[in-house]
């Protein structure tokens, strides 16, 4: 896969449009549903703007914006309760995308070895292993936050042992898939990340 495919101009435009959706959601959720739900989107919009400033690879930028906005609206509108499969799909996709995005951020910041170094064939397995580990860590944090939410609002959030274990399994599976895909595309993705860094600094 060519490196240019990760940074197509229409992907960058789509990511920015999704940020606008997140910004508008602050007003819609805050006025139509509740102040607390509006605050959720305030936090989310802040995170997505920080990612924009950081200079994420466009493809992962779009995926990150999309899954986090859907996951937040699903919580606000109680889709996790009303749509049977929503919780499973969100955990599977969101954890995989978040793990890959976190890996790109950490590798660029120097907390992890540069992706361009690990893109060499003999180093691709560690890429998949690290992303999988990040995914399980994020999945554990997610479940911890759900537990806190249940303690604060037991009438709206319901978690249990079976739900927690299945969510961890699905999130971990998504991270495994994401890790393998990033490892396979590592050379092209490393080039795309370097281009994104150059564009952001210029």
N, C-alpha and C. Protein backbone atom coordinates (compact mmCIF):
# COMPACT_ATOMS: atom_id res chain seq x y z
N UNK A 1 0.85 -1.20 0.00
CA UNK A 1 0.00 0.00 0.00
C UNK A 1 0.88 1.25 0.00
N UNK A 2 0.69 2.17 -0.95
CA UNK A 2 1.51 3.38 -1.00
C UNK A 2 1.28 4.27 0.22
N UNK A 3 2.34 4.95 0.66
CA UNK A 3 2.24 5.82 1.83
C UNK A 3 1.23 6.94 1.61
N UNK A 4 1.10 7.39 0.35
CA UNK A 4 0.19 8.50 0.05
C UNK A 4 -1.26 8.17 0.35
N UNK A 5 -1.61 6.88 0.32
CA UNK A 5 -2.99 6.49 0.57
C UNK A 5 -3.43 6.82 1.99
N UNK A 6 -2.49 6.88 2.92
CA UNK A 6 -2.82 7.15 4.32
C UNK A 6 -3.10 8.63 4.56
N UNK A 7 -2.68 9.50 3.63
CA UNK A 7 -2.81 10.94 3.82
C UNK A 7 -3.54 11.63 2.66
N UNK A 8 -4.50 10.95 2.07
CA UNK A 8 -5.25 11.56 0.97
C UNK A 8 -5.97 12.81 1.47
N UNK A 9 -6.06 13.81 0.62
CA UNK A 9 -6.62 15.10 1.03
C UNK A 9 -8.08 14.97 1.48
N UNK A 10 -8.85 14.10 0.83
CA UNK A 10 -10.25 13.96 1.21
C UNK A 10 -10.40 13.34 2.60
N UNK A 11 -9.40 12.56 3.01
CA UNK A 11 -9.42 12.01 4.37
C UNK A 11 -9.23 13.11 5.40
N UNK A 12 -8.32 14.04 5.13
CA UNK A 12 -8.09 15.16 6.05
C UNK A 12 -9.34 16.03 6.15
N UNK A 13 -9.98 16.27 5.00
CA UNK A 13 -11.21 17.08 5.00
C UNK A 13 -12.31 16.37 5.80
N UNK A 14 -12.43 15.06 5.61
CA UNK A 14 -13.44 14.28 6.34
C UNK A 14 -13.21 14.34 7.84
N UNK A 15 -11.95 14.24 8.25
CA UNK A 15 -11.63 14.31 9.69
C UNK A 15 -12.04 15.66 10.27
N UNK A 16 -11.78 16.73 9.54
CA UNK A 16 -12.15 18.05 10.03
C UNK A 16 -13.67 18.24 10.07
N UNK A 17 -14.37 17.66 9.11
CA UNK A 17 -15.83 17.72 9.12
C UNK A 17 -16.39 16.96 10.33
N UNK A 18 -15.77 15.86 10.67
CA UNK A 18 -16.20 15.10 11.84
C UNK A 18 -15.95 15.90 13.13
N UNK A 19 -14.89 16.70 13.14
CA UNK A 19 -14.65 17.57 14.30
C UNK A 19 -15.76 18.62 14.42
N UNK A 20 -16.22 19.10 13.28
CA UNK A 20 -17.34 20.04 13.29
C UNK A 20 -18.58 19.35 13.86
N UNK A 21 -18.79 18.10 13.48
CA UNK A 21 -19.92 17.32 14.01
C UNK A 21 -19.81 17.22 15.53
N UNK A 22 -18.61 16.95 16.02
CA UNK A 22 -18.40 16.87 17.47
C UNK A 22 -18.68 18.20 18.15
N UNK A 23 -18.26 19.28 17.50
CA UNK A 23 -18.49 20.62 18.06
C UNK A 23 -19.98 20.94 18.12
N UNK A 24 -20.69 20.64 17.05
CA UNK A 24 -22.15 20.87 17.01
C UNK A 24 -22.85 19.99 18.04
N UNK A 25 -22.32 18.80 18.26
CA UNK A 25 -22.92 17.87 19.21
C UNK A 25 -22.92 18.42 20.63
N UNK A 26 -21.96 19.30 20.94
CA UNK A 26 -21.93 19.93 22.27
C UNK A 26 -23.24 20.66 22.51
N UNK A 27 -23.65 21.46 21.54
CA UNK A 27 -24.87 22.26 21.66
C UNK A 27 -26.10 21.36 21.63
N UNK A 28 -26.14 20.44 20.67
CA UNK A 28 -27.32 19.58 20.51
C UNK A 28 -27.53 18.72 21.76
N UNK A 29 -26.47 18.04 22.21
CA UNK A 29 -26.61 17.17 23.38
C UNK A 29 -26.86 17.98 24.64
N UNK A 30 -26.17 19.12 24.78
CA UNK A 30 -26.32 19.92 25.98
C UNK A 30 -27.70 20.53 26.12
N UNK A 31 -28.29 20.97 25.00
CA UNK A 31 -29.60 21.62 25.07
C UNK A 31 -30.76 20.63 25.00
N UNK A 32 -30.60 19.60 24.17
CA UNK A 32 -31.72 18.67 23.96
C UNK A 32 -31.77 17.54 24.97
N UNK A 33 -30.62 17.20 25.56
CA UNK A 33 -30.58 16.03 26.44
C UNK A 33 -30.19 16.42 27.87
N UNK A 34 -29.02 17.01 28.03
CA UNK A 34 -28.61 17.40 29.38
C UNK A 34 -27.22 18.00 29.38
N UNK A 35 -26.93 18.79 30.40
CA UNK A 35 -25.64 19.45 30.51
C UNK A 35 -24.49 18.45 30.57
N UNK A 36 -24.69 17.38 31.31
CA UNK A 36 -23.64 16.37 31.43
C UNK A 36 -23.28 15.74 30.10
N UNK A 37 -24.28 15.53 29.26
CA UNK A 37 -24.03 14.95 27.94
C UNK A 37 -23.31 15.95 27.04
N UNK A 38 -23.63 17.23 27.19
CA UNK A 38 -22.90 18.25 26.44
C UNK A 38 -21.44 18.30 26.85
N UNK A 39 -21.18 18.11 28.15
CA UNK A 39 -19.80 18.12 28.65
C UNK A 39 -19.01 16.97 28.06
N UNK A 40 -19.66 15.83 27.85
CA UNK A 40 -18.97 14.69 27.22
C UNK A 40 -18.39 15.11 25.87
N UNK A 41 -19.19 15.83 25.11
CA UNK A 41 -18.72 16.25 23.79
C UNK A 41 -17.72 17.40 23.87
N UNK A 42 -17.76 18.18 24.93
CA UNK A 42 -16.72 19.19 25.14
C UNK A 42 -15.36 18.52 25.30
N UNK A 43 -15.34 17.48 26.14
CA UNK A 43 -14.09 16.73 26.35
C UNK A 43 -13.64 16.07 25.06
N UNK A 44 -14.59 15.42 24.37
CA UNK A 44 -14.25 14.73 23.13
C UNK A 44 -13.71 15.70 22.09
N UNK A 45 -14.37 16.84 21.93
CA UNK A 45 -13.92 17.82 20.94
C UNK A 45 -12.52 18.33 21.27
N UNK A 46 -12.26 18.53 22.56
CA UNK A 46 -10.92 18.95 22.97
C UNK A 46 -9.86 17.93 22.59
N UNK A 47 -10.17 16.66 22.80
CA UNK A 47 -9.23 15.59 22.45
C UNK A 47 -9.00 15.55 20.94
N UNK A 48 -10.08 15.65 20.17
CA UNK A 48 -9.96 15.58 18.72
C UNK A 48 -9.21 16.77 18.15
N UNK A 49 -9.37 17.93 18.76
CA UNK A 49 -8.61 19.10 18.33
C UNK A 49 -7.13 18.94 18.66
N UNK A 50 -6.84 18.32 19.80
CA UNK A 50 -5.45 18.06 20.17
C UNK A 50 -4.80 17.10 19.17
N UNK A 51 -5.56 16.11 18.74
CA UNK A 51 -5.06 15.17 17.72
C UNK A 51 -4.79 15.91 16.41
N UNK A 52 -5.67 16.86 16.09
CA UNK A 52 -5.49 17.67 14.87
C UNK A 52 -4.19 18.47 14.94
N UNK A 53 -3.92 19.08 16.08
CA UNK A 53 -2.70 19.87 16.27
C UNK A 53 -1.47 18.96 16.22
N UNK A 54 -1.62 17.76 16.77
CA UNK A 54 -0.51 16.81 16.81
C UNK A 54 -0.09 16.39 15.40
N UNK A 55 -1.05 16.22 14.50
CA UNK A 55 -0.72 15.82 13.13
C UNK A 55 -0.76 14.33 12.90
N UNK A 56 -1.89 13.71 13.25
CA UNK A 56 -2.07 12.29 13.05
C UNK A 56 -2.17 11.95 11.56
N UNK A 57 -1.73 10.75 11.18
CA UNK A 57 -1.94 10.25 9.82
C UNK A 57 -3.43 10.34 9.50
N UNK A 58 -3.79 10.85 8.32
CA UNK A 58 -5.17 11.20 7.99
C UNK A 58 -6.14 10.03 8.15
N UNK A 59 -5.76 8.83 7.71
CA UNK A 59 -6.66 7.69 7.79
C UNK A 59 -7.02 7.38 9.24
N UNK A 60 -6.02 7.37 10.10
CA UNK A 60 -6.27 7.08 11.50
C UNK A 60 -7.00 8.24 12.18
N UNK A 61 -6.77 9.44 11.69
CA UNK A 61 -7.48 10.61 12.19
C UNK A 61 -8.98 10.46 11.95
N UNK A 62 -9.35 10.07 10.74
CA UNK A 62 -10.77 9.86 10.40
C UNK A 62 -11.37 8.75 11.26
N UNK A 63 -10.68 7.63 11.34
CA UNK A 63 -11.19 6.50 12.11
C UNK A 63 -11.36 6.86 13.58
N UNK A 64 -10.39 7.59 14.12
CA UNK A 64 -10.46 7.98 15.52
C UNK A 64 -11.65 8.91 15.77
N UNK A 65 -11.82 9.91 14.90
CA UNK A 65 -12.95 10.83 15.04
C UNK A 65 -14.27 10.08 14.93
N UNK A 66 -14.37 9.21 13.96
CA UNK A 66 -15.63 8.51 13.70
C UNK A 66 -16.04 7.61 14.86
N UNK A 67 -15.12 6.76 15.31
CA UNK A 67 -15.50 5.79 16.35
C UNK A 67 -15.77 6.47 17.69
N UNK A 68 -15.03 7.53 18.00
CA UNK A 68 -15.25 8.20 19.29
C UNK A 68 -16.56 8.99 19.30
N UNK A 69 -16.90 9.60 18.17
CA UNK A 69 -18.18 10.33 18.10
C UNK A 69 -19.34 9.35 18.19
N UNK A 70 -19.27 8.25 17.46
CA UNK A 70 -20.34 7.23 17.52
C UNK A 70 -20.45 6.65 18.92
N UNK A 71 -19.30 6.34 19.54
CA UNK A 71 -19.32 5.76 20.89
C UNK A 71 -19.93 6.73 21.89
N UNK A 72 -19.63 8.02 21.75
CA UNK A 72 -20.18 9.02 22.68
C UNK A 72 -21.67 9.19 22.49
N UNK A 73 -22.13 9.28 21.23
CA UNK A 73 -23.56 9.40 20.98
C UNK A 73 -24.30 8.14 21.44
N UNK A 74 -23.66 6.98 21.28
CA UNK A 74 -24.28 5.73 21.73
C UNK A 74 -24.52 5.76 23.24
N UNK A 75 -23.57 6.35 23.98
CA UNK A 75 -23.75 6.48 25.42
C UNK A 75 -24.84 7.49 25.75
N UNK A 76 -24.84 8.62 25.04
CA UNK A 76 -25.80 9.69 25.31
C UNK A 76 -27.23 9.23 25.01
N UNK A 77 -27.40 8.50 23.92
CA UNK A 77 -28.74 8.09 23.49
C UNK A 77 -29.15 6.69 23.97
N UNK A 78 -28.31 6.10 24.84
CA UNK A 78 -28.60 4.77 25.40
C UNK A 78 -28.70 3.69 24.33
N UNK A 79 -27.92 3.84 23.26
CA UNK A 79 -27.93 2.80 22.23
C UNK A 79 -27.36 1.49 22.74
N UNK A 80 -26.48 1.57 23.73
CA UNK A 80 -25.90 0.34 24.28
C UNK A 80 -26.97 -0.54 24.92
N UNK A 81 -28.07 0.08 25.33
CA UNK A 81 -29.18 -0.66 25.93
C UNK A 81 -30.22 -1.05 24.88
N UNK A 82 -30.56 -0.10 24.01
CA UNK A 82 -31.64 -0.33 23.05
C UNK A 82 -31.23 -1.13 21.83
N UNK A 83 -29.94 -1.10 21.48
CA UNK A 83 -29.44 -1.86 20.32
C UNK A 83 -28.53 -2.97 20.84
N UNK A 84 -28.96 -4.19 20.68
CA UNK A 84 -28.31 -5.33 21.33
C UNK A 84 -26.83 -5.44 20.98
N UNK A 85 -26.49 -5.25 19.71
CA UNK A 85 -25.12 -5.49 19.26
C UNK A 85 -24.22 -4.26 19.35
N UNK A 86 -24.75 -3.12 19.72
CA UNK A 86 -23.98 -1.88 19.68
C UNK A 86 -22.75 -1.93 20.60
N UNK A 87 -22.93 -2.40 21.81
CA UNK A 87 -21.84 -2.44 22.78
C UNK A 87 -20.67 -3.28 22.26
N UNK A 88 -20.99 -4.44 21.68
CA UNK A 88 -19.94 -5.34 21.19
C UNK A 88 -19.18 -4.72 20.01
N UNK A 89 -19.92 -4.14 19.08
CA UNK A 89 -19.28 -3.55 17.89
C UNK A 89 -18.40 -2.37 18.27
N UNK A 90 -18.89 -1.52 19.17
CA UNK A 90 -18.11 -0.35 19.58
C UNK A 90 -16.83 -0.77 20.28
N UNK A 91 -16.90 -1.74 21.18
CA UNK A 91 -15.69 -2.19 21.86
C UNK A 91 -14.69 -2.80 20.88
N UNK A 92 -15.18 -3.58 19.95
CA UNK A 92 -14.30 -4.23 18.98
C UNK A 92 -13.57 -3.20 18.13
N UNK A 93 -14.31 -2.25 17.57
CA UNK A 93 -13.73 -1.28 16.64
C UNK A 93 -12.98 -0.17 17.37
N UNK A 94 -13.60 0.37 18.42
CA UNK A 94 -13.01 1.53 19.09
C UNK A 94 -11.68 1.20 19.75
N UNK A 95 -11.59 0.07 20.42
CA UNK A 95 -10.34 -0.28 21.10
C UNK A 95 -9.22 -0.50 20.09
N UNK A 96 -9.54 -1.13 18.96
CA UNK A 96 -8.53 -1.33 17.93
C UNK A 96 -8.01 -0.02 17.38
N UNK A 97 -8.91 0.90 17.06
CA UNK A 97 -8.52 2.21 16.52
C UNK A 97 -7.74 3.01 17.57
N UNK A 98 -8.23 3.03 18.82
CA UNK A 98 -7.56 3.78 19.87
C UNK A 98 -6.17 3.23 20.15
N UNK A 99 -6.01 1.91 20.13
CA UNK A 99 -4.70 1.31 20.37
C UNK A 99 -3.71 1.70 19.28
N UNK A 100 -4.14 1.62 18.02
CA UNK A 100 -3.26 1.98 16.91
C UNK A 100 -2.91 3.47 16.97
N UNK A 101 -3.90 4.32 17.26
CA UNK A 101 -3.65 5.76 17.34
C UNK A 101 -2.69 6.09 18.48
N UNK A 102 -2.89 5.45 19.63
CA UNK A 102 -1.98 5.68 20.76
C UNK A 102 -0.56 5.24 20.43
N UNK A 103 -0.45 4.14 19.70
CA UNK A 103 0.88 3.69 19.31
C UNK A 103 1.58 4.72 18.43
N UNK A 104 0.84 5.29 17.47
CA UNK A 104 1.43 6.30 16.59
C UNK A 104 1.86 7.53 17.38
N UNK A 105 1.03 7.93 18.35
CA UNK A 105 1.37 9.09 19.18
C UNK A 105 2.61 8.81 20.02
N UNK A 106 2.66 7.65 20.66
CA UNK A 106 3.78 7.32 21.54
C UNK A 106 5.08 7.12 20.77
N UNK A 107 4.97 6.53 19.57
CA UNK A 107 6.18 6.32 18.77
C UNK A 107 6.73 7.64 18.26
N UNK A 108 5.83 8.55 17.93
CA UNK A 108 6.28 9.86 17.45
C UNK A 108 6.87 10.70 18.57
N UNK A 109 6.32 10.56 19.78
CA UNK A 109 6.79 11.37 20.91
C UNK A 109 8.11 10.86 21.48
N UNK A 110 8.52 9.66 21.09
CA UNK A 110 9.76 9.11 21.58
C UNK A 110 9.58 8.15 22.75
N UNK A 111 8.34 8.00 23.23
CA UNK A 111 8.08 7.06 24.32
C UNK A 111 8.24 5.61 23.87
N UNK A 112 8.03 5.37 22.57
CA UNK A 112 8.27 4.06 21.96
C UNK A 112 9.20 4.25 20.77
N UNK A 113 9.89 3.19 20.36
CA UNK A 113 10.76 3.31 19.18
C UNK A 113 10.00 3.81 17.97
N UNK A 114 10.67 4.58 17.13
CA UNK A 114 10.05 5.14 15.93
C UNK A 114 9.50 4.03 15.04
N UNK A 115 8.36 4.30 14.45
CA UNK A 115 7.75 3.31 13.55
C UNK A 115 8.64 3.03 12.36
N UNK A 116 9.39 4.02 11.91
CA UNK A 116 10.28 3.82 10.76
C UNK A 116 11.36 2.80 11.08
N UNK A 117 11.77 2.72 12.34
CA UNK A 117 12.76 1.73 12.77
C UNK A 117 12.12 0.35 12.84
N UNK A 118 10.93 0.30 13.43
CA UNK A 118 10.25 -0.99 13.59
C UNK A 118 9.61 -1.48 12.29
N UNK A 119 9.63 -0.65 11.26
CA UNK A 119 9.03 -1.06 9.99
C UNK A 119 9.88 -2.10 9.27
N UNK A 120 11.13 -2.24 9.68
CA UNK A 120 11.95 -3.28 9.06
C UNK A 120 11.35 -4.64 9.36
N UNK A 121 11.45 -5.54 8.43
CA UNK A 121 10.74 -6.81 8.50
C UNK A 121 10.96 -7.54 9.82
N UNK A 122 12.19 -7.57 10.32
CA UNK A 122 12.47 -8.35 11.52
C UNK A 122 11.89 -7.71 12.78
N UNK A 123 11.42 -6.47 12.66
CA UNK A 123 10.88 -5.79 13.83
C UNK A 123 9.36 -5.65 13.79
N UNK A 124 8.70 -6.26 12.84
CA UNK A 124 7.26 -6.02 12.71
C UNK A 124 6.44 -6.69 13.81
N UNK A 125 6.89 -7.83 14.31
CA UNK A 125 6.14 -8.51 15.36
C UNK A 125 5.99 -7.64 16.61
N UNK A 126 7.06 -6.94 17.06
CA UNK A 126 6.88 -6.06 18.23
C UNK A 126 5.82 -4.99 18.04
N UNK A 127 5.64 -4.52 16.80
CA UNK A 127 4.59 -3.53 16.54
C UNK A 127 3.23 -4.12 16.92
N UNK A 128 2.96 -5.32 16.46
CA UNK A 128 1.68 -5.96 16.75
C UNK A 128 1.53 -6.25 18.24
N UNK A 129 2.62 -6.67 18.88
CA UNK A 129 2.56 -6.99 20.31
C UNK A 129 2.28 -5.74 21.14
N UNK A 130 2.97 -4.65 20.83
CA UNK A 130 2.79 -3.41 21.59
C UNK A 130 1.38 -2.86 21.41
N UNK A 131 0.86 -2.87 20.19
CA UNK A 131 -0.50 -2.37 19.95
C UNK A 131 -1.52 -3.24 20.67
N UNK A 132 -1.30 -4.55 20.67
CA UNK A 132 -2.20 -5.45 21.41
C UNK A 132 -2.19 -5.12 22.89
N UNK A 133 -0.99 -4.91 23.45
CA UNK A 133 -0.87 -4.57 24.87
C UNK A 133 -1.55 -3.24 25.18
N UNK A 134 -1.37 -2.26 24.30
CA UNK A 134 -2.04 -0.97 24.48
C UNK A 134 -3.56 -1.14 24.44
N UNK A 135 -4.02 -1.99 23.53
CA UNK A 135 -5.46 -2.21 23.41
C UNK A 135 -6.05 -2.82 24.67
N UNK A 136 -5.39 -3.82 25.23
CA UNK A 136 -5.89 -4.42 26.46
C UNK A 136 -5.85 -3.41 27.62
N UNK A 137 -4.84 -2.57 27.64
CA UNK A 137 -4.75 -1.54 28.68
C UNK A 137 -5.90 -0.55 28.56
N UNK A 138 -6.18 -0.11 27.33
CA UNK A 138 -7.28 0.82 27.10
C UNK A 138 -8.62 0.16 27.45
N UNK A 139 -8.76 -1.11 27.08
CA UNK A 139 -10.00 -1.84 27.39
C UNK A 139 -10.21 -1.94 28.90
N UNK A 140 -9.13 -2.17 29.65
CA UNK A 140 -9.24 -2.24 31.11
C UNK A 140 -9.63 -0.88 31.69
N UNK A 141 -9.03 0.19 31.16
CA UNK A 141 -9.37 1.53 31.62
C UNK A 141 -10.84 1.84 31.32
N UNK A 142 -11.29 1.46 30.13
CA UNK A 142 -12.69 1.67 29.73
C UNK A 142 -13.63 1.01 30.72
N UNK A 143 -13.33 -0.26 31.06
CA UNK A 143 -14.19 -1.00 31.99
C UNK A 143 -14.14 -0.39 33.38
N UNK A 144 -12.99 0.11 33.78
CA UNK A 144 -12.86 0.77 35.08
C UNK A 144 -13.74 2.01 35.13
N UNK A 145 -13.73 2.80 34.03
CA UNK A 145 -14.56 3.99 33.97
C UNK A 145 -16.05 3.63 33.96
N UNK A 146 -16.40 2.53 33.29
CA UNK A 146 -17.79 2.07 33.32
C UNK A 146 -18.21 1.69 34.73
N UNK A 147 -17.31 1.06 35.46
CA UNK A 147 -17.61 0.67 36.84
C UNK A 147 -17.84 1.92 37.70
N UNK A 148 -16.99 2.94 37.52
CA UNK A 148 -17.16 4.20 38.26
C UNK A 148 -18.52 4.81 37.92
N UNK A 149 -18.85 4.79 36.62
CA UNK A 149 -20.14 5.33 36.19
C UNK A 149 -21.30 4.60 36.84
N UNK A 150 -21.17 3.28 36.97
CA UNK A 150 -22.24 2.50 37.60
C UNK A 150 -22.38 2.87 39.07
N UNK A 151 -21.25 3.11 39.74
CA UNK A 151 -21.32 3.48 41.16
C UNK A 151 -21.97 4.85 41.35
N UNK A 152 -21.71 5.75 40.41
CA UNK A 152 -22.26 7.10 40.50
C UNK A 152 -23.70 7.17 40.02
N UNK A 153 -24.03 6.33 39.03
CA UNK A 153 -25.39 6.37 38.46
C UNK A 153 -25.86 4.95 38.15
N UNK A 154 -26.17 4.18 39.18
CA UNK A 154 -26.55 2.77 38.97
C UNK A 154 -27.83 2.59 38.18
N UNK A 155 -28.68 3.62 38.11
CA UNK A 155 -29.94 3.50 37.38
C UNK A 155 -29.77 3.64 35.87
N UNK A 156 -28.61 4.17 35.42
CA UNK A 156 -28.41 4.37 33.98
C UNK A 156 -27.31 3.49 33.40
N UNK A 157 -26.37 3.05 34.21
CA UNK A 157 -25.26 2.22 33.72
C UNK A 157 -25.29 0.88 34.46
N UNK A 158 -25.31 -0.19 33.70
CA UNK A 158 -25.37 -1.53 34.29
C UNK A 158 -24.23 -2.38 33.71
N UNK A 159 -23.30 -2.73 34.57
CA UNK A 159 -22.22 -3.61 34.15
C UNK A 159 -22.17 -4.81 35.08
N UNK A 160 -21.61 -5.89 34.60
CA UNK A 160 -21.48 -7.09 35.41
C UNK A 160 -20.28 -7.88 34.97
N UNK A 161 -20.05 -8.98 35.63
CA UNK A 161 -18.85 -9.78 35.33
C UNK A 161 -18.84 -10.24 33.88
N UNK A 162 -19.95 -10.79 33.42
CA UNK A 162 -20.01 -11.31 32.05
C UNK A 162 -19.82 -10.19 31.04
N UNK A 163 -20.44 -9.05 31.29
CA UNK A 163 -20.31 -7.91 30.37
C UNK A 163 -18.87 -7.42 30.32
N UNK A 164 -18.25 -7.34 31.49
CA UNK A 164 -16.86 -6.85 31.56
C UNK A 164 -15.91 -7.78 30.81
N UNK A 165 -16.04 -9.07 31.04
CA UNK A 165 -15.14 -10.03 30.39
C UNK A 165 -15.35 -10.05 28.88
N UNK A 166 -16.60 -10.00 28.43
CA UNK A 166 -16.85 -10.01 26.99
C UNK A 166 -16.33 -8.73 26.34
N UNK A 167 -16.47 -7.60 27.03
CA UNK A 167 -15.96 -6.34 26.49
C UNK A 167 -14.44 -6.36 26.40
N UNK A 168 -13.78 -6.91 27.42
CA UNK A 168 -12.32 -7.03 27.38
C UNK A 168 -11.87 -7.94 26.25
N UNK A 169 -12.60 -9.04 26.05
CA UNK A 169 -12.25 -9.98 24.98
C UNK A 169 -12.42 -9.33 23.62
N UNK A 170 -13.53 -8.63 23.43
CA UNK A 170 -13.78 -7.98 22.14
C UNK A 170 -12.79 -6.85 21.89
N UNK A 171 -12.55 -6.03 22.92
CA UNK A 171 -11.58 -4.95 22.77
C UNK A 171 -10.20 -5.47 22.47
N UNK A 172 -9.80 -6.52 23.18
CA UNK A 172 -8.49 -7.12 22.93
C UNK A 172 -8.39 -7.70 21.53
N UNK A 173 -9.48 -8.31 21.07
CA UNK A 173 -9.48 -8.87 19.71
C UNK A 173 -9.32 -7.76 18.67
N UNK A 174 -10.02 -6.64 18.90
CA UNK A 174 -9.86 -5.51 17.99
C UNK A 174 -8.44 -4.99 17.97
N UNK A 175 -7.79 -4.98 19.13
CA UNK A 175 -6.40 -4.53 19.22
C UNK A 175 -5.46 -5.49 18.49
N UNK A 176 -5.73 -6.78 18.61
CA UNK A 176 -4.90 -7.77 17.90
C UNK A 176 -4.97 -7.55 16.40
N UNK A 177 -6.19 -7.37 15.89
CA UNK A 177 -6.37 -7.14 14.45
C UNK A 177 -5.68 -5.84 14.03
N UNK A 178 -5.88 -4.79 14.82
CA UNK A 178 -5.25 -3.50 14.51
C UNK A 178 -3.73 -3.64 14.51
N UNK A 179 -3.20 -4.36 15.49
CA UNK A 179 -1.75 -4.55 15.56
C UNK A 179 -1.19 -5.27 14.36
N UNK A 180 -1.89 -6.30 13.91
CA UNK A 180 -1.44 -7.05 12.74
C UNK A 180 -1.50 -6.19 11.49
N UNK A 181 -2.58 -5.41 11.35
CA UNK A 181 -2.72 -4.55 10.16
C UNK A 181 -1.63 -3.48 10.13
N UNK A 182 -1.37 -2.85 11.27
CA UNK A 182 -0.32 -1.83 11.32
C UNK A 182 1.04 -2.45 11.04
N UNK A 183 1.28 -3.65 11.59
CA UNK A 183 2.56 -4.32 11.34
C UNK A 183 2.74 -4.63 9.86
N UNK A 184 1.68 -5.09 9.21
CA UNK A 184 1.76 -5.42 7.79
C UNK A 184 2.01 -4.17 6.94
N UNK A 185 1.41 -3.06 7.34
CA UNK A 185 1.52 -1.81 6.57
C UNK A 185 2.60 -0.89 7.12
N UNK A 186 3.46 -1.40 8.00
CA UNK A 186 4.40 -0.54 8.72
C UNK A 186 5.29 0.34 7.83
N UNK A 187 5.88 -0.19 6.75
CA UNK A 187 6.74 0.68 5.93
C UNK A 187 5.98 1.87 5.33
N UNK A 188 4.82 1.59 4.74
CA UNK A 188 4.03 2.67 4.15
C UNK A 188 3.51 3.61 5.22
N UNK A 189 3.09 3.07 6.35
CA UNK A 189 2.56 3.89 7.43
C UNK A 189 3.65 4.77 8.03
N UNK A 190 4.87 4.25 8.12
CA UNK A 190 5.98 5.04 8.62
C UNK A 190 6.24 6.24 7.71
N UNK A 191 6.19 6.00 6.41
CA UNK A 191 6.37 7.09 5.45
C UNK A 191 5.25 8.11 5.55
N UNK A 192 4.02 7.63 5.74
CA UNK A 192 2.88 8.53 5.88
C UNK A 192 2.99 9.37 7.15
N UNK A 193 3.47 8.76 8.24
CA UNK A 193 3.63 9.49 9.48
C UNK A 193 4.69 10.59 9.35
N UNK A 194 5.78 10.27 8.65
CA UNK A 194 6.83 11.26 8.44
C UNK A 194 6.31 12.43 7.61
N UNK A 195 5.49 12.14 6.59
CA UNK A 195 4.91 13.21 5.77
C UNK A 195 3.96 14.07 6.59
N UNK A 196 3.19 13.42 7.47
CA UNK A 196 2.26 14.16 8.32
C UNK A 196 3.02 15.09 9.26
N UNK A 197 4.15 14.63 9.77
CA UNK A 197 4.97 15.45 10.66
C UNK A 197 5.55 16.65 9.92
N UNK A 198 6.01 16.41 8.68
CA UNK A 198 6.58 17.50 7.88
C UNK A 198 5.51 18.54 7.58
N UNK A 199 4.31 18.07 7.20
CA UNK A 199 3.22 18.99 6.87
C UNK A 199 2.81 19.79 8.09
N UNK A 200 2.82 19.15 9.28
CA UNK A 200 2.39 19.83 10.49
C UNK A 200 3.40 20.89 10.93
N UNK A 201 4.69 20.64 10.68
CA UNK A 201 5.73 21.57 11.10
C UNK A 201 5.93 22.72 10.12
N UNK A 202 5.42 22.57 8.89
CA UNK A 202 5.61 23.61 7.87
C UNK A 202 4.57 24.70 7.97
